[in-house]
Protein backbone atom coordinates (compact mmCIF):
# COMPACT_ATOMS: atom_id res chain seq x y z
CA MET A 1 137.77 62.94 -273.19
CA GLU A 2 136.79 64.26 -269.78
CA GLN A 3 135.15 67.66 -269.90
CA GLN A 4 137.09 70.50 -268.32
CA ASP A 5 136.15 74.17 -268.00
CA ASP A 6 138.85 75.40 -265.63
CA GLU A 7 138.50 79.03 -266.78
CA LEU A 8 134.66 78.90 -266.77
CA ILE A 9 134.52 80.08 -270.37
CA ARG A 10 131.82 77.60 -271.28
CA PHE A 11 129.92 78.28 -268.05
CA GLU A 12 129.86 82.03 -268.67
CA ALA A 13 128.55 81.52 -272.19
CA HIS A 14 126.06 78.71 -271.65
CA GLY A 15 125.72 77.83 -267.95
CA ALA A 16 125.97 74.24 -266.74
CA GLU A 17 124.28 71.38 -268.56
CA PRO A 18 120.47 71.79 -268.60
CA LEU A 19 118.67 69.92 -265.84
CA PRO A 20 116.61 66.88 -266.85
CA PRO A 21 112.81 66.93 -266.51
CA ALA A 22 111.82 66.77 -262.85
CA SER A 23 109.57 64.10 -261.36
CA ILE A 24 108.15 66.70 -258.97
CA GLU A 25 108.56 70.47 -259.08
CA GLY A 26 106.96 73.27 -257.11
CA HIS A 27 107.17 75.92 -254.42
CA VAL A 28 106.58 75.71 -250.70
CA GLY A 29 105.53 78.80 -248.73
CA ARG A 30 107.77 79.43 -245.75
CA ALA A 31 108.40 82.50 -243.54
CA GLY A 32 107.48 85.14 -246.08
CA ALA A 33 109.06 83.36 -249.05
CA ARG A 34 108.18 80.87 -251.77
CA ILE A 35 110.93 78.26 -251.96
CA TRP A 36 111.40 76.44 -255.27
CA TYR A 37 112.30 72.76 -255.32
CA ALA A 38 112.51 69.87 -257.75
CA SER A 39 112.86 66.13 -257.24
CA TYR A 40 114.33 63.60 -259.68
CA GLY A 41 114.41 59.80 -259.69
CA ALA A 42 114.06 57.35 -256.84
CA GLY A 43 116.26 55.77 -254.21
CA PRO A 44 118.21 57.15 -251.26
CA ALA A 45 117.68 60.92 -251.18
CA VAL A 46 120.47 63.42 -251.84
CA ILE A 47 119.77 67.14 -251.51
CA LEU A 48 122.04 69.49 -253.47
CA LEU A 49 122.42 73.01 -252.04
CA HIS A 50 124.00 75.58 -254.37
CA GLY A 51 126.32 78.46 -253.58
CA GLY A 52 125.59 82.10 -252.84
CA LEU A 53 124.31 84.19 -255.79
CA GLY A 54 123.76 80.99 -257.80
CA HIS A 55 120.83 78.62 -258.24
CA SER A 56 120.07 74.92 -258.64
CA GLY A 57 120.84 74.92 -262.35
CA ASN A 58 124.52 75.15 -261.40
CA TRP A 59 124.28 71.43 -260.50
CA GLY A 60 123.62 70.42 -264.11
CA TYR A 61 126.70 68.17 -264.26
CA GLN A 62 125.96 66.45 -260.96
CA VAL A 63 122.29 65.48 -261.27
CA PRO A 64 122.74 62.88 -264.06
CA ALA A 65 125.65 61.19 -262.27
CA LEU A 66 123.65 60.90 -259.06
CA LEU A 67 120.59 59.57 -260.89
CA GLN A 68 122.74 56.98 -262.66
CA SER A 69 123.99 55.83 -259.25
CA GLY A 70 120.42 54.96 -258.23
CA ARG A 71 119.67 57.93 -256.00
CA ARG A 72 116.83 60.39 -255.67
CA VAL A 73 118.05 63.95 -256.20
CA VAL A 74 116.37 67.00 -254.70
CA LEU A 75 117.29 70.53 -255.71
CA ILE A 76 116.35 73.65 -253.75
CA ASP A 77 116.82 77.29 -254.73
CA SER A 78 117.79 79.14 -251.55
CA ARG A 79 115.44 81.98 -250.62
CA GLY A 80 115.93 84.99 -252.86
CA HIS A 81 118.02 82.92 -255.30
CA GLY A 82 116.91 81.50 -258.63
CA ARG A 83 113.16 80.84 -258.66
CA SER A 84 112.72 81.35 -254.90
CA THR A 85 111.48 84.63 -253.44
CA ARG A 86 112.22 86.39 -250.17
CA ASP A 87 110.70 89.03 -247.92
CA ALA A 88 112.43 92.07 -246.40
CA ARG A 89 114.10 90.26 -243.51
CA PRO A 90 117.90 89.88 -243.70
CA TYR A 91 119.39 86.73 -245.12
CA SER A 92 120.66 84.22 -242.58
CA TYR A 93 122.00 80.71 -242.94
CA GLU A 94 119.74 79.49 -240.15
CA LEU A 95 116.66 80.84 -241.94
CA MET A 96 117.69 79.12 -245.16
CA ALA A 97 118.33 75.89 -243.25
CA SER A 98 114.76 76.04 -241.95
CA ASP A 99 113.56 76.48 -245.55
CA VAL A 100 115.29 73.22 -246.45
CA LEU A 101 113.43 71.39 -243.68
CA ALA A 102 110.16 72.84 -245.01
CA VAL A 103 110.91 71.36 -248.44
CA MET A 104 111.79 68.02 -246.88
CA ASP A 105 108.48 68.05 -245.04
CA GLU A 106 106.63 68.95 -248.24
CA LEU A 107 108.22 65.95 -249.97
CA SER A 108 107.76 63.66 -246.91
CA LEU A 109 111.53 63.14 -246.73
CA GLU A 110 112.49 62.05 -243.24
CA LYS A 111 116.22 61.98 -243.95
CA ALA A 112 118.65 62.82 -246.73
CA ALA A 113 122.33 63.13 -247.49
CA PHE A 114 123.49 66.63 -248.38
CA VAL A 115 125.96 67.92 -250.92
CA GLY A 116 126.59 71.60 -250.23
CA TRP A 117 128.65 74.05 -252.27
CA SER A 118 129.89 77.24 -250.60
CA ASP A 119 126.86 78.85 -248.87
CA GLY A 120 124.98 75.61 -249.47
CA ALA A 121 127.66 73.72 -247.56
CA CYS A 122 127.20 76.04 -244.60
CA ILE A 123 123.43 75.48 -244.67
CA ALA A 124 123.95 71.72 -244.77
CA LEU A 125 126.33 71.71 -241.80
CA ILE A 126 123.95 73.89 -239.79
CA LEU A 127 121.30 71.25 -240.43
CA ALA A 128 123.73 68.56 -239.27
CA ALA A 129 124.19 70.51 -236.04
CA THR A 130 120.57 71.49 -235.42
CA ALA A 131 118.50 68.69 -237.03
CA PRO A 132 120.81 65.64 -237.09
CA ALA A 133 117.93 63.18 -237.33
CA ARG A 134 117.18 64.56 -240.80
CA VAL A 135 120.78 64.38 -242.08
CA ALA A 136 122.48 61.18 -243.27
CA GLY A 137 125.75 62.97 -243.99
CA VAL A 138 127.23 66.21 -245.35
CA PHE A 139 129.65 66.67 -248.26
CA PHE A 140 130.84 70.15 -247.30
CA PHE A 141 132.52 71.79 -250.28
CA ALA A 142 134.26 75.16 -250.17
CA CYS A 143 132.87 77.13 -247.28
CA ASN A 144 133.74 78.59 -243.88
CA MET A 145 131.96 78.22 -240.53
CA ASP A 146 133.14 81.50 -239.04
CA PRO A 147 134.20 84.76 -240.74
CA SER A 148 137.90 84.17 -239.99
CA GLY A 149 137.95 81.33 -242.50
CA THR A 150 137.85 83.48 -245.63
CA LEU A 151 140.70 84.85 -247.72
CA GLU A 152 140.88 88.53 -248.67
CA PHE A 153 138.84 88.91 -251.84
CA VAL A 154 140.85 89.28 -255.04
CA ALA A 155 138.96 89.48 -258.33
CA THR A 156 140.08 87.08 -261.05
CA PRO A 157 138.87 86.40 -264.60
CA VAL A 158 137.33 83.11 -263.40
CA ILE A 159 135.37 84.86 -260.64
CA ASP A 160 134.29 87.57 -263.09
CA ARG A 161 132.99 84.96 -265.54
CA CYS A 162 131.04 83.20 -262.80
CA PHE A 163 129.60 86.52 -261.62
CA SER A 164 128.58 87.37 -265.20
CA ARG A 165 126.70 84.07 -265.50
CA HIS A 166 124.99 84.62 -262.15
CA ALA A 167 123.79 88.07 -263.29
CA LYS A 168 122.30 86.64 -266.49
CA ASP A 169 120.60 83.79 -264.62
CA TYR A 170 119.22 86.11 -261.95
CA ALA A 171 117.62 88.31 -264.63
CA ALA A 172 116.10 85.24 -266.29
CA LEU A 173 114.81 83.42 -263.19
CA SER A 174 114.15 85.87 -260.38
CA ALA A 175 110.78 87.36 -259.45
CA THR A 176 112.72 90.64 -259.02
CA PRO A 177 114.94 90.54 -262.13
CA ASP A 178 116.11 94.15 -261.87
CA ASP A 179 117.34 93.89 -258.26
CA PHE A 180 120.62 92.03 -258.77
CA ASN A 181 122.67 94.74 -257.08
CA GLY A 182 120.42 94.77 -254.01
CA PHE A 183 120.55 90.98 -253.96
CA ILE A 184 124.36 91.05 -253.95
CA GLU A 185 124.45 93.57 -251.11
CA ALA A 186 122.08 91.57 -248.94
CA VAL A 187 123.81 88.23 -249.50
CA SER A 188 127.25 89.79 -249.05
CA LEU A 189 126.25 91.19 -245.65
CA MET A 190 125.34 87.68 -244.52
CA MET A 191 128.60 86.28 -245.87
CA ARG A 192 130.69 88.88 -244.04
CA THR A 193 129.04 88.34 -240.66
CA GLU A 194 127.89 84.70 -240.61
CA PRO A 195 128.12 81.89 -239.68
CA ASN A 196 129.70 82.05 -236.24
CA TYR A 197 130.31 78.45 -235.21
CA ARG A 198 133.01 77.83 -232.61
CA ALA A 199 135.14 74.72 -232.23
CA GLU A 200 132.92 73.50 -229.40
CA ASP A 201 129.85 73.85 -231.64
CA LEU A 202 131.55 71.83 -234.35
CA SER A 203 132.61 69.17 -231.85
CA ARG A 204 128.95 68.35 -231.16
CA ILE A 205 128.21 67.38 -234.78
CA ARG A 206 127.62 63.64 -234.93
CA VAL A 207 126.75 62.91 -238.55
CA PRO A 208 129.32 61.81 -241.18
CA VAL A 209 131.02 64.84 -242.74
CA ALA A 210 133.56 65.31 -245.52
CA ILE A 211 135.29 68.70 -245.58
CA VAL A 212 136.24 69.28 -249.20
CA LEU A 213 138.27 72.09 -250.77
CA GLY A 214 139.70 72.77 -254.19
CA GLU A 215 143.48 73.10 -254.29
CA HIS A 216 143.18 76.64 -255.67
CA ASP A 217 140.06 77.89 -253.86
CA GLU A 218 139.78 81.67 -254.18
CA PHE A 219 137.72 82.28 -251.03
CA ILE A 220 138.47 79.77 -248.27
CA LYS A 221 141.69 79.40 -246.29
CA PRO A 222 143.06 75.83 -246.51
CA ALA A 223 143.96 76.05 -242.83
CA HIS A 224 140.31 76.75 -242.03
CA ALA A 225 139.18 73.63 -243.90
CA GLU A 226 141.75 71.59 -241.99
CA TYR A 227 140.52 73.11 -238.72
CA LEU A 228 136.94 72.11 -239.57
CA ALA A 229 138.04 68.56 -240.32
CA ARG A 230 139.89 68.40 -236.98
CA SER A 231 137.02 69.90 -235.01
CA ILE A 232 134.17 67.75 -236.33
CA PRO A 233 134.37 64.22 -234.93
CA ASP A 234 135.56 61.67 -237.50
CA ALA A 235 135.34 64.15 -240.40
CA GLN A 236 137.24 63.42 -243.60
CA MET A 237 139.47 66.04 -245.25
CA ILE A 238 139.51 65.91 -249.05
CA THR A 239 141.52 68.19 -251.33
CA LEU A 240 140.51 68.28 -254.99
CA LYS A 241 143.62 68.82 -257.09
CA GLY A 242 143.82 71.31 -259.92
CA VAL A 243 140.50 73.04 -259.26
CA SER A 244 139.19 76.02 -257.33
CA HIS A 245 135.92 77.17 -255.74
CA PHE A 246 134.14 76.14 -258.92
CA ALA A 247 135.15 72.46 -259.10
CA PRO A 248 131.63 71.13 -259.89
CA LEU A 249 131.78 73.17 -263.12
CA GLN A 250 135.50 72.97 -263.85
CA ARG A 251 136.05 69.21 -263.64
CA PRO A 252 132.68 67.53 -263.06
CA ALA A 253 133.90 63.94 -263.35
CA GLU A 254 136.45 64.39 -260.56
CA PHE A 255 134.01 66.24 -258.33
CA ASN A 256 131.28 63.66 -258.93
CA ALA A 257 133.64 60.79 -258.13
CA ALA A 258 134.42 62.36 -254.76
CA VAL A 259 130.73 62.88 -254.03
CA LEU A 260 129.77 59.33 -254.98
CA SER A 261 132.61 57.86 -252.91
CA PHE A 262 131.36 59.77 -249.87
CA LEU A 263 127.74 58.79 -250.45
CA ASP A 264 128.67 55.14 -251.00
CA GLY A 265 130.43 55.21 -247.64
CA LEU A 266 127.25 56.30 -245.91
CA SER A 267 125.45 53.14 -246.99
CA SER A 268 128.31 50.68 -246.51
């Protein structure tokens, strides 16, 4: 029977599935931070970029499926998240995008496909716009590219459970385990004010892109996702039925099937 955790009850209690042993794991120093990364398997490279307040362990249901498909998987904890540190400068998506390039350079990866979730999707699309030679394609799940794309925040039990898990993981992984509240404030400031891509900026993106949104996403306006798909040349629009902002955890098999279909299309 296919695993489902629509209410994130299992995720709150246990997190995602544990990650397998990495082939390569380490930190790269970049712009006042130490950025954690791990690499698994061999084959065409796929970089998974997690959402805001989370960490790479949230991809525990995706890594095995990608490895079984014959791909190399690279995980990166965004600066200040998970095992990565930060300095006092404000968070910005552009800064975190440059961290990703530093990890790619460390691993001698000339090019990779990207699967981004929420903030990670924004980082991936910024890379598509600013470093297209390094990007084979972007699976852009559940994010906005200007502040008008977000819904008014309404707390729900599902969001509260996710937040509870993030707090536990931050305390366990972070170099500053007692600073979760400051971490939230700093990341939230970035989310409220960035990114600020206009339609003309999006129109210059020339790599394959899938704009993907859960049917019941709590944060992103469906009309904004449709606007992104219209504005980026040849972008696909994919709606994942029955899930929300947390589809990779709620219904992993359905999410993974959409990811693999997109990645297969890049090599066909």
